C-alpha atoms as a PDB file:
ATOM      1  CA  MET A   1      -3.469  33.128 -25.361  1.00  0.00           C
ATOM      2  CA  THR A   2      -3.621  29.895 -27.335  1.00  0.00           C
ATOM      3  CA  GLU A   3      -0.604  28.232 -28.862  1.00  0.00           C
ATOM      4  CA  ALA A   4      -1.850  29.276 -32.289  1.00  0.00           C
ATOM      5  CA  SER A   5      -1.978  32.928 -31.224  1.00  0.00           C
ATOM      6  CA  ALA A   6       1.574  33.009 -29.880  1.00  0.00           C
ATOM      7  CA  PRO A   7       3.593  36.077 -30.918  1.00  0.00           C
ATOM      8  CA  ALA A   8       4.870  35.822 -34.438  1.00  0.00           C
ATOM      9  CA  GLU A   9       8.611  35.518 -34.919  1.00  0.00           C
ATOM     10  CA  HIS A  10      10.591  37.889 -37.117  1.00  0.00           C
ATOM     11  CA  ASP A  11      12.227  36.694 -40.287  1.00  0.00           C
ATOM     12  CA  ASP A  12      15.420  35.843 -38.388  1.00  0.00           C
ATOM     13  CA  GLY A  13      13.475  33.615 -35.994  1.00  0.00           C
ATOM     14  CA  ARG A  14      13.665  36.005 -33.037  1.00  0.00           C
ATOM     15  CA  MET A  15      10.975  37.915 -31.154  1.00  0.00           C
ATOM     16  CA  SER A  16      11.173  41.503 -29.946  1.00  0.00           C
ATOM     17  CA  LEU A  17      11.632  42.341 -26.259  1.00  0.00           C
ATOM     18  CA  MET A  18       7.957  43.263 -25.826  1.00  0.00           C
ATOM     19  CA  GLU A  19       6.886  40.032 -27.499  1.00  0.00           C
ATOM     20  CA  HIS A  20       9.127  38.082 -25.098  1.00  0.00           C
ATOM     21  CA  ILE A  21       7.588  39.914 -22.142  1.00  0.00           C
ATOM     22  CA  GLY A  22       4.055  39.224 -23.391  1.00  0.00           C
ATOM     23  CA  GLU A  23       4.899  35.579 -24.006  1.00  0.00           C
ATOM     24  CA  PHE A  24       6.401  35.229 -20.522  1.00  0.00           C
ATOM     25  CA  ARG A  25       3.329  36.864 -18.938  1.00  0.00           C
ATOM     26  CA  ASP A  26       0.914  34.521 -20.699  1.00  0.00           C
ATOM     27  CA  ARG A  27       2.975  31.456 -19.763  1.00  0.00           C
ATOM     28  CA  MET A  28       3.023  32.582 -16.125  1.00  0.00           C
ATOM     29  CA  VAL A  29      -0.761  33.095 -16.106  1.00  0.00           C
ATOM     30  CA  LYS A  30      -1.323  29.556 -17.414  1.00  0.00           C
ATOM     31  CA  THR A  31       1.144  28.160 -14.885  1.00  0.00           C
ATOM     32  CA  ALA A  32      -0.458  30.046 -11.977  1.00  0.00           C
ATOM     33  CA  THR A  33      -3.910  28.836 -13.029  1.00  0.00           C
ATOM     34  CA  ALA A  34      -2.736  25.223 -13.086  1.00  0.00           C
ATOM     35  CA  VAL A  35      -1.131  25.595  -9.638  1.00  0.00           C
ATOM     36  CA  PHE A  36      -4.333  27.140  -8.239  1.00  0.00           C
ATOM     37  CA  VAL A  37      -6.491  24.287  -9.555  1.00  0.00           C
ATOM     38  CA  GLY A  38      -4.030  21.747  -8.166  1.00  0.00           C
ATOM     39  CA  ALA A  39      -4.054  23.535  -4.800  1.00  0.00           C
ATOM     40  CA  LEU A  40      -7.850  23.259  -4.646  1.00  0.00           C
ATOM     41  CA  VAL A  41      -7.541  19.505  -5.166  1.00  0.00           C
ATOM     42  CA  GLY A  42      -4.882  19.352  -2.460  1.00  0.00           C
ATOM     43  CA  TRP A  43      -7.095  21.313  -0.048  1.00  0.00           C
ATOM     44  CA  PHE A  44      -9.916  18.775  -0.275  1.00  0.00           C
ATOM     45  CA  LEU A  45      -7.539  15.794  -0.148  1.00  0.00           C
ATOM     46  CA  PHE A  46      -5.649  17.183   2.874  1.00  0.00           C
ATOM     47  CA  PRO A  47      -6.514  14.409   5.388  1.00  0.00           C
ATOM     48  CA  ARG A  48      -5.300  11.665   3.057  1.00  0.00           C
ATOM     49  CA  LEU A  49      -2.226  13.637   2.038  1.00  0.00           C
ATOM     50  CA  LEU A  50      -1.265  14.274   5.664  1.00  0.00           C
ATOM     51  CA  ASP A  51      -1.679  10.595   6.554  1.00  0.00           C
ATOM     52  CA  PHE A  52       0.626   9.730   3.661  1.00  0.00           C
ATOM     53  CA  ALA A  53       3.174  12.431   4.474  1.00  0.00           C
ATOM     54  CA  LYS A  54       3.571  11.467   8.115  1.00  0.00           C
ATOM     55  CA  GLY A  55       4.545   7.905   7.172  1.00  0.00           C
ATOM     56  CA  PRO A  56       8.316   8.459   7.702  1.00  0.00           C
ATOM     57  CA  TYR A  57       7.595  10.132  11.049  1.00  0.00           C
ATOM     58  CA  CYS A  58       5.504   7.156  12.162  1.00  0.00           C
ATOM     59  CA  ASP A  59       8.317   4.791  11.138  1.00  0.00           C
ATOM     60  CA  ILE A  60      10.579   6.148  13.881  1.00  0.00           C
ATOM     61  CA  GLN A  61       7.892   6.182  16.589  1.00  0.00           C
ATOM     62  CA  PRO A  62       7.718   3.262  19.028  1.00  0.00           C
ATOM     63  CA  SER A  63       3.964   2.772  18.537  1.00  0.00           C
ATOM     64  CA  VAL A  64       1.150   3.916  16.273  1.00  0.00           C
ATOM     65  CA  GLU A  65      -0.567   5.684  19.204  1.00  0.00           C
ATOM     66  CA  GLU A  66       2.421   8.044  19.543  1.00  0.00           C
ATOM     67  CA  CYS A  67       2.406   8.969  15.855  1.00  0.00           C
ATOM     68  CA  ARG A  68       0.864  12.373  16.400  1.00  0.00           C
ATOM     69  CA  PHE A  69       2.144  15.895  15.878  1.00  0.00           C
ATOM     70  CA  LEU A  70       2.592  18.495  18.594  1.00  0.00           C
ATOM     71  CA  GLN A  71       0.555  21.662  18.017  1.00  0.00           C
ATOM     72  CA  THR A  72       2.009  24.824  19.597  1.00  0.00           C
ATOM     73  CA  GLU A  73       0.058  27.564  17.791  1.00  0.00           C
ATOM     74  CA  VAL A  74      -3.684  28.227  17.455  1.00  0.00           C
ATOM     75  CA  LEU A  75      -3.610  28.655  13.663  1.00  0.00           C
ATOM     76  CA  GLU A  76      -1.087  25.913  12.978  1.00  0.00           C
ATOM     77  CA  GLN A  77      -3.591  23.398  11.593  1.00  0.00           C
ATOM     78  CA  PHE A  78      -4.989  25.982   9.183  1.00  0.00           C
ATOM     79  CA  SER A  79      -1.526  27.057   7.998  1.00  0.00           C
ATOM     80  CA  ILE A  80      -0.488  23.423   7.564  1.00  0.00           C
ATOM     81  CA  ARG A  81      -3.540  22.764   5.394  1.00  0.00           C
ATOM     82  CA  LEU A  82      -2.673  25.788   3.252  1.00  0.00           C
ATOM     83  CA  THR A  83       0.936  24.623   2.983  1.00  0.00           C
ATOM     84  CA  VAL A  84      -0.002  21.089   1.976  1.00  0.00           C
ATOM     85  CA  ALA A  85      -2.505  22.425  -0.560  1.00  0.00           C
ATOM     86  CA  GLY A  86       0.113  24.749  -2.041  1.00  0.00           C
ATOM     87  CA  TYR A  87       2.746  22.074  -2.452  1.00  0.00           C
ATOM     88  CA  SER A  88       0.128  19.711  -3.851  1.00  0.00           C
ATOM     89  CA  GLY A  89      -0.777  22.364  -6.404  1.00  0.00           C
ATOM     90  CA  LEU A  90       2.847  22.632  -7.511  1.00  0.00           C
ATOM     91  CA  ALA A  91       3.153  18.857  -7.785  1.00  0.00           C
ATOM     92  CA  LEU A  92      -0.069  18.389  -9.742  1.00  0.00           C
ATOM     93  CA  ALA A  93       0.750  21.322 -12.020  1.00  0.00           C
ATOM     94  CA  MET A  94       4.234  20.010 -12.834  1.00  0.00           C
ATOM     95  CA  PRO A  95       3.252  18.790 -16.353  1.00  0.00           C
ATOM     96  CA  VAL A  96       1.817  22.230 -17.174  1.00  0.00           C
ATOM     97  CA  ILE A  97       4.833  24.013 -15.678  1.00  0.00           C
ATOM     98  CA  LEU A  98       7.295  21.974 -17.723  1.00  0.00           C
ATOM     99  CA  TRP A  99       5.210  22.340 -20.880  1.00  0.00           C
ATOM    100  CA  GLN A 100       4.999  26.122 -20.518  1.00  0.00           C
ATOM    101  CA  LEU A 101       8.728  26.286 -19.832  1.00  0.00           C
ATOM    102  CA  TRP A 102       9.435  24.275 -22.964  1.00  0.00           C
ATOM    103  CA  ARG A 103       7.123  26.424 -25.098  1.00  0.00           C
ATOM    104  CA  PHE A 104       8.876  29.553 -23.828  1.00  0.00           C
ATOM    105  CA  ILE A 105      12.392  28.357 -24.719  1.00  0.00           C
ATOM    106  CA  THR A 106      11.626  26.660 -28.047  1.00  0.00           C
ATOM    107  CA  PRO A 107      12.007  29.834 -30.177  1.00  0.00           C
ATOM    108  CA  GLY A 108      15.753  29.564 -29.565  1.00  0.00           C
ATOM    109  CA  LEU A 109      15.968  26.004 -30.869  1.00  0.00           C
ATOM    110  CA  HIS A 110      16.063  24.536 -34.346  1.00  0.00           C
ATOM    111  CA  GLN A 111      12.826  23.242 -35.798  1.00  0.00           C
ATOM    112  CA  HIS A 112      13.759  19.569 -35.448  1.00  0.00           C
ATOM    113  CA  GLU A 113      14.754  20.134 -31.800  1.00  0.00           C
ATOM    114  CA  LYS A 114      11.296  21.444 -30.960  1.00  0.00           C
ATOM    115  CA  ARG A 115      10.071  17.883 -31.400  1.00  0.00           C
ATOM    116  CA  TYR A 116      11.717  17.039 -28.074  1.00  0.00           C
ATOM    117  CA  ALA A 117       8.820  18.717 -26.216  1.00  0.00           C
ATOM    118  CA  VAL A 118       7.020  15.534 -25.157  1.00  0.00           C
ATOM    119  CA  PRO A 119      10.224  13.690 -24.127  1.00  0.00           C
ATOM    120  CA  PHE A 120      11.313  16.798 -22.205  1.00  0.00           C
ATOM    121  CA  VAL A 121       8.052  17.040 -20.252  1.00  0.00           C
ATOM    122  CA  LEU A 122       7.708  13.301 -19.627  1.00  0.00           C
ATOM    123  CA  SER A 123      11.322  12.819 -18.573  1.00  0.00           C
ATOM    124  CA  GLY A 124      11.114  15.873 -16.304  1.00  0.00           C
ATOM    125  CA  ILE A 125       8.020  14.499 -14.572  1.00  0.00           C
ATOM    126  CA  VAL A 126       9.370  10.961 -14.249  1.00  0.00           C
ATOM    127  CA  LEU A 127      12.763  12.085 -12.924  1.00  0.00           C
ATOM    128  CA  PHE A 128      11.239  14.477 -10.395  1.00  0.00           C
ATOM    129  CA  VAL A 129       8.842  11.798  -9.132  1.00  0.00           C
ATOM    130  CA  LEU A 130      11.692   9.298  -8.864  1.00  0.00           C
ATOM    131  CA  GLY A 131      13.796  11.793  -6.922  1.00  0.00           C
ATOM    132  CA  ALA A 132      10.948  12.729  -4.585  1.00  0.00           C
ATOM    133  CA  SER A 133      10.127   9.044  -4.032  1.00  0.00           C
ATOM    134  CA  LEU A 134      13.750   8.307  -3.194  1.00  0.00           C
ATOM    135  CA  ALA A 135      13.699  11.183  -0.690  1.00  0.00           C
ATOM    136  CA  PHE A 136      10.524   9.806   0.910  1.00  0.00           C
ATOM    137  CA  TRP A 137      12.282   6.459   1.306  1.00  0.00           C
ATOM    138  CA  THR A 138      15.367   8.176   2.729  1.00  0.00           C
ATOM    139  CA  VAL A 139      13.601  10.416   5.268  1.00  0.00           C
ATOM    140  CA  PRO A 140      12.988   7.729   7.960  1.00  0.00           C
ATOM    141  CA  ARG A 141      16.688   6.866   7.925  1.00  0.00           C
ATOM    142  CA  ALA A 142      17.660  10.526   8.057  1.00  0.00           C
ATOM    143  CA  LEU A 143      15.248  11.108  10.952  1.00  0.00           C
ATOM    144  CA  ALA A 144      16.576   8.073  12.812  1.00  0.00           C
ATOM    145  CA  PHE A 145      20.100   9.466  12.458  1.00  0.00           C
ATOM    146  CA  LEU A 146      19.104  12.966  13.581  1.00  0.00           C
ATOM    147  CA  VAL A 147      16.971  11.729  16.483  1.00  0.00           C
ATOM    148  CA  GLY A 148      19.570   9.229  17.676  1.00  0.00           C
ATOM    149  CA  ILE A 149      22.562  11.552  17.434  1.00  0.00           C
ATOM    150  CA  GLY A 150      21.783  12.966  20.891  1.00  0.00           C
ATOM    151  CA  GLY A 151      21.948   9.553  22.559  1.00  0.00           C
ATOM    152  CA  ASP A 152      19.312   6.945  23.368  1.00  0.00           C
ATOM    153  CA  GLY A 153      16.725   7.981  25.920  1.00  0.00           C
ATOM    154  CA  GLN A 154      17.933  11.558  26.218  1.00  0.00           C
ATOM    155  CA  PHE A 155      15.107  13.175  24.237  1.00  0.00           C
ATOM    156  CA  GLU A 156      11.389  12.554  23.749  1.00  0.00           C
ATOM    157  CA  THR A 157      10.611  12.876  20.032  1.00  0.00           C
ATOM    158  CA  PHE A 158       7.556  14.953  19.193  1.00  0.00           C
ATOM    159  CA  PHE A 159       7.668  17.116  16.069  1.00  0.00           C
ATOM    160  CA  THR A 160       5.332  19.943  15.180  1.00  0.00           C
ATOM    161  CA  ALA A 161       3.586  19.373  11.879  1.00  0.00           C
ATOM    162  CA  SER A 162       5.023  22.561  10.385  1.00  0.00           C
ATOM    163  CA  ASN A 163       8.640  21.659  11.197  1.00  0.00           C
ATOM    164  CA  TYR A 164       8.276  18.074  10.057  1.00  0.00           C
ATOM    165  CA  LEU A 165       6.486  18.898   6.806  1.00  0.00           C
ATOM    166  CA  SER A 166       9.016  21.635   6.057  1.00  0.00           C
ATOM    167  CA  PHE A 167      11.812  19.101   6.468  1.00  0.00           C
ATOM    168  CA  LEU A 168      10.012  16.485   4.359  1.00  0.00           C
ATOM    169  CA  VAL A 169       9.161  18.900   1.539  1.00  0.00           C
ATOM    170  CA  LYS A 170      12.704  20.294   1.416  1.00  0.00           C
ATOM    171  CA  MET A 171      14.077  16.768   1.156  1.00  0.00           C
ATOM    172  CA  MET A 172      11.643  15.788  -1.612  1.00  0.00           C
ATOM    173  CA  ILE A 173      12.193  18.999  -3.573  1.00  0.00           C
ATOM    174  CA  GLY A 174      15.958  18.722  -3.138  1.00  0.00           C
ATOM    175  CA  PHE A 175      16.022  15.148  -4.417  1.00  0.00           C
ATOM    176  CA  GLY A 176      13.513  15.973  -7.169  1.00  0.00           C
ATOM    177  CA  LEU A 177      15.598  18.890  -8.426  1.00  0.00           C
ATOM    178  CA  GLY A 178      18.734  16.782  -8.168  1.00  0.00           C
ATOM    179  CA  PHE A 179      17.156  14.239 -10.493  1.00  0.00           C
ATOM    180  CA  GLU A 180      16.467  17.027 -13.013  1.00  0.00           C
ATOM    181  CA  PHE A 181      20.246  17.435 -13.314  1.00  0.00           C
ATOM    182  CA  PRO A 182      20.625  15.486 -16.602  1.00  0.00           C
ATOM    183  CA  ILE A 183      17.868  17.503 -18.302  1.00  0.00           C
ATOM    184  CA  LEU A 184      19.702  20.736 -17.471  1.00  0.00           C
ATOM    185  CA  LEU A 185      23.013  19.392 -18.785  1.00  0.00           C
ATOM    186  CA  VAL A 186      21.480  18.055 -21.992  1.00  0.00           C
ATOM    187  CA  PHE A 187      19.692  21.353 -22.642  1.00  0.00           C
ATOM    188  CA  LEU A 188      22.918  23.326 -22.100  1.00  0.00           C
ATOM    189  CA  GLN A 189      24.587  21.087 -24.664  1.00  0.00           C
ATOM    190  CA  LEU A 190      21.718  21.550 -27.116  1.00  0.00           C
ATOM    191  CA  ALA A 191      21.952  25.297 -26.647  1.00  0.00           C
ATOM    192  CA  GLY A 192      25.668  25.140 -27.446  1.00  0.00           C
ATOM    193  CA  LEU A 193      26.701  26.636 -24.092  1.00  0.00           C
ATOM    194  CA  ILE A 194      28.813  23.612 -23.190  1.00  0.00           C
ATOM    195  CA  ARG A 195      30.151  20.646 -25.140  1.00  0.00           C
ATOM    196  CA  PRO A 196      30.219  16.951 -24.191  1.00  0.00           C
ATOM    197  CA  GLU A 197      34.004  17.060 -24.358  1.00  0.00           C
ATOM    198  CA  GLN A 198      34.051  19.785 -21.722  1.00  0.00           C
ATOM    199  CA  LEU A 199      31.818  17.795 -19.400  1.00  0.00           C
ATOM    200  CA  GLY A 200      34.092  14.805 -19.864  1.00  0.00           C
ATOM    201  CA  SER A 201      37.140  16.827 -18.858  1.00  0.00           C
ATOM    202  CA  TRP A 202      35.382  18.184 -15.767  1.00  0.00           C
ATOM    203  CA  ARG A 203      34.654  14.778 -14.198  1.00  0.00           C
ATOM    204  CA  ARG A 204      36.899  15.153 -11.157  1.00  0.00           C
ATOM    205  CA  TYR A 205      35.590  18.627 -10.421  1.00  0.00           C
ATOM    206  CA  ALA A 206      32.028  17.422 -11.005  1.00  0.00           C
ATOM    207  CA  VAL A 207      32.314  14.831  -8.234  1.00  0.00           C
ATOM    208  CA  VAL A 208      33.278  17.472  -5.688  1.00  0.00           C
ATOM    209  CA  ALA A 209      30.677  19.935  -6.980  1.00  0.00           C
ATOM    210  CA  ILE A 210      27.908  17.318  -6.813  1.00  0.00           C
ATOM    211  CA  VAL A 211      28.724  16.388  -3.217  1.00  0.00           C
ATOM    212  CA  VAL A 212      28.794  20.057  -2.188  1.00  0.00           C
ATOM    213  CA  LEU A 213      25.529  20.762  -4.034  1.00  0.00           C
ATOM    214  CA  VAL A 214      23.794  17.790  -2.412  1.00  0.00           C
ATOM    215  CA  ALA A 215      24.973  18.935   1.014  1.00  0.00           C
ATOM    216  CA  VAL A 216      23.397  22.343   0.320  1.00  0.00           C
ATOM    217  CA  ILE A 217      20.037  21.256  -1.123  1.00  0.00           C
ATOM    218  CA  THR A 218      19.320  18.491   1.429  1.00  0.00           C
ATOM    219  CA  PRO A 219      18.439  19.781   4.919  1.00  0.00           C
ATOM    220  CA  SER A 220      19.263  16.640   6.897  1.00  0.00           C
ATOM    221  CA  GLY A 221      23.056  16.739   6.549  1.00  0.00           C
ATOM    222  CA  ASP A 222      23.322  13.035   7.347  1.00  0.00           C
ATOM    223  CA  PRO A 223      25.834  10.891   5.424  1.00  0.00           C
ATOM    224  CA  PHE A 224      23.189   8.419   4.229  1.00  0.00           C
ATOM    225  CA  SER A 225      21.141  11.071   2.385  1.00  0.00           C
ATOM    226  CA  LEU A 226      24.340  12.573   1.004  1.00  0.00           C
ATOM    227  CA  MET A 227      25.372   9.254  -0.517  1.00  0.00           C
ATOM    228  CA  VAL A 228      21.894   8.282  -1.755  1.00  0.00           C
ATOM    229  CA  LEU A 229      21.553  11.467  -3.846  1.00  0.00           C
ATOM    230  CA  SER A 230      25.194  12.008  -4.838  1.00  0.00           C
ATOM    231  CA  VAL A 231      25.609   8.618  -6.541  1.00  0.00           C
ATOM    232  CA  PRO A 232      22.586   8.981  -8.906  1.00  0.00           C
ATOM    233  CA  MET A 233      23.555  12.555  -9.724  1.00  0.00           C
ATOM    234  CA  TYR A 234      27.023  11.478 -10.822  1.00  0.00           C
ATOM    235  CA  LEU A 235      25.527   8.660 -12.900  1.00  0.00           C
ATOM    236  CA  PHE A 236      23.225  11.251 -14.471  1.00  0.00           C
ATOM    237  CA  TYR A 237      26.282  13.357 -15.217  1.00  0.00           C
ATOM    238  CA  GLU A 238      27.816  10.498 -17.196  1.00  0.00           C
ATOM    239  CA  MET A 239      24.517   9.762 -18.951  1.00  0.00           C
ATOM    240  CA  SER A 240      24.144  13.410 -19.978  1.00  0.00           C
ATOM    241  CA  ILE A 241      27.570  13.269 -21.658  1.00  0.00           C
ATOM    242  CA  ILE A 242      26.473  10.275 -23.715  1.00  0.00           C
ATOM    243  CA  LEU A 243      23.126  11.864 -24.632  1.00  0.00           C
ATOM    244  CA  GLY A 244      24.835  15.159 -25.426  1.00  0.00           C
ATOM    245  CA  ARG A 245      27.191  13.475 -27.878  1.00  0.00           C
ATOM    246  CA  LEU A 246      24.336  11.695 -29.617  1.00  0.00           C
ATOM    247  CA  LEU A 247      22.202  14.839 -29.869  1.00  0.00           C
ATOM    248  CA  THR A 248      25.018  17.124 -31.013  1.00  0.00           C
ATOM    249  CA  ARG A 249      25.989  14.627 -33.719  1.00  0.00           C
ATOM    250  CA  ARG A 250      22.388  14.493 -34.874  1.00  0.00           C
ATOM    251  CA  ARG A 251      22.203  18.276 -34.798  1.00  0.00           C
ATOM    252  CA  SER A 252      25.305  18.531 -36.974  1.00  0.00           C
ATOM    253  CA  ALA A 253      23.879  16.054 -39.442  1.00  0.00           C
ATOM    254  CA  THR A 254      20.454  17.752 -39.625  1.00  0.00           C
ATOM    255  CA  PRO A 255      20.106  21.040 -41.477  1.00  0.00           C
ATOM    256  CA  ALA A 256      18.528  23.827 -39.421  1.00  0.00           C
ATOM    257  CA  ASN A 257      15.026  24.908 -40.568  1.00  0.00           C
END
């Protein structure tokens, strides 16, 4: 379904339940297609992607010769290639995913607010990439902490590819989603579900909630990763209050179409 053939809205600007279901189905089909195409690209680029992904693991190894994974299952290499391709598909399809999400929620916004589509998609992509990049930089330090916590010389470090990549992906997704925090807060303010004044009064609770949330979404549990993600998320919290005030003032001053 093309954008021009999207379900027509009723006179009050709302769609029926069946129209919402049809719209959601079409958006999901487009999203799944984009992920599939991205996964095909990831499948053929697997060797390069794996070399890049194992960088943090190699950083904690004493020599380049020891920077190899331990295989314990016959089908592990095949499953790892599928996993890497799948996550690559999600990453490459992120612009399409965000665009389809925006197109699905825009019927509930005012006409002038629908113009935020491009900033929404671009900021979502940039913030997620920044968060994932920060996680990639943090992983060697988290691994060094986790490997060294048992004492020097007590354990020989050899990870399986599946366990290591699972840890790496969870860290990158956790940081990436954490960096989407301001977009969520700004949207909630645009939707009128919360007000900037409320966010301002919740600062002390927000600090505790952010630290707890970071501890949940990051698998390492080390204090360095906790600090590296918690500080930007609180700064994003403050920035979202400022942006929310500016946007709500503009919304009040602009007549709804």
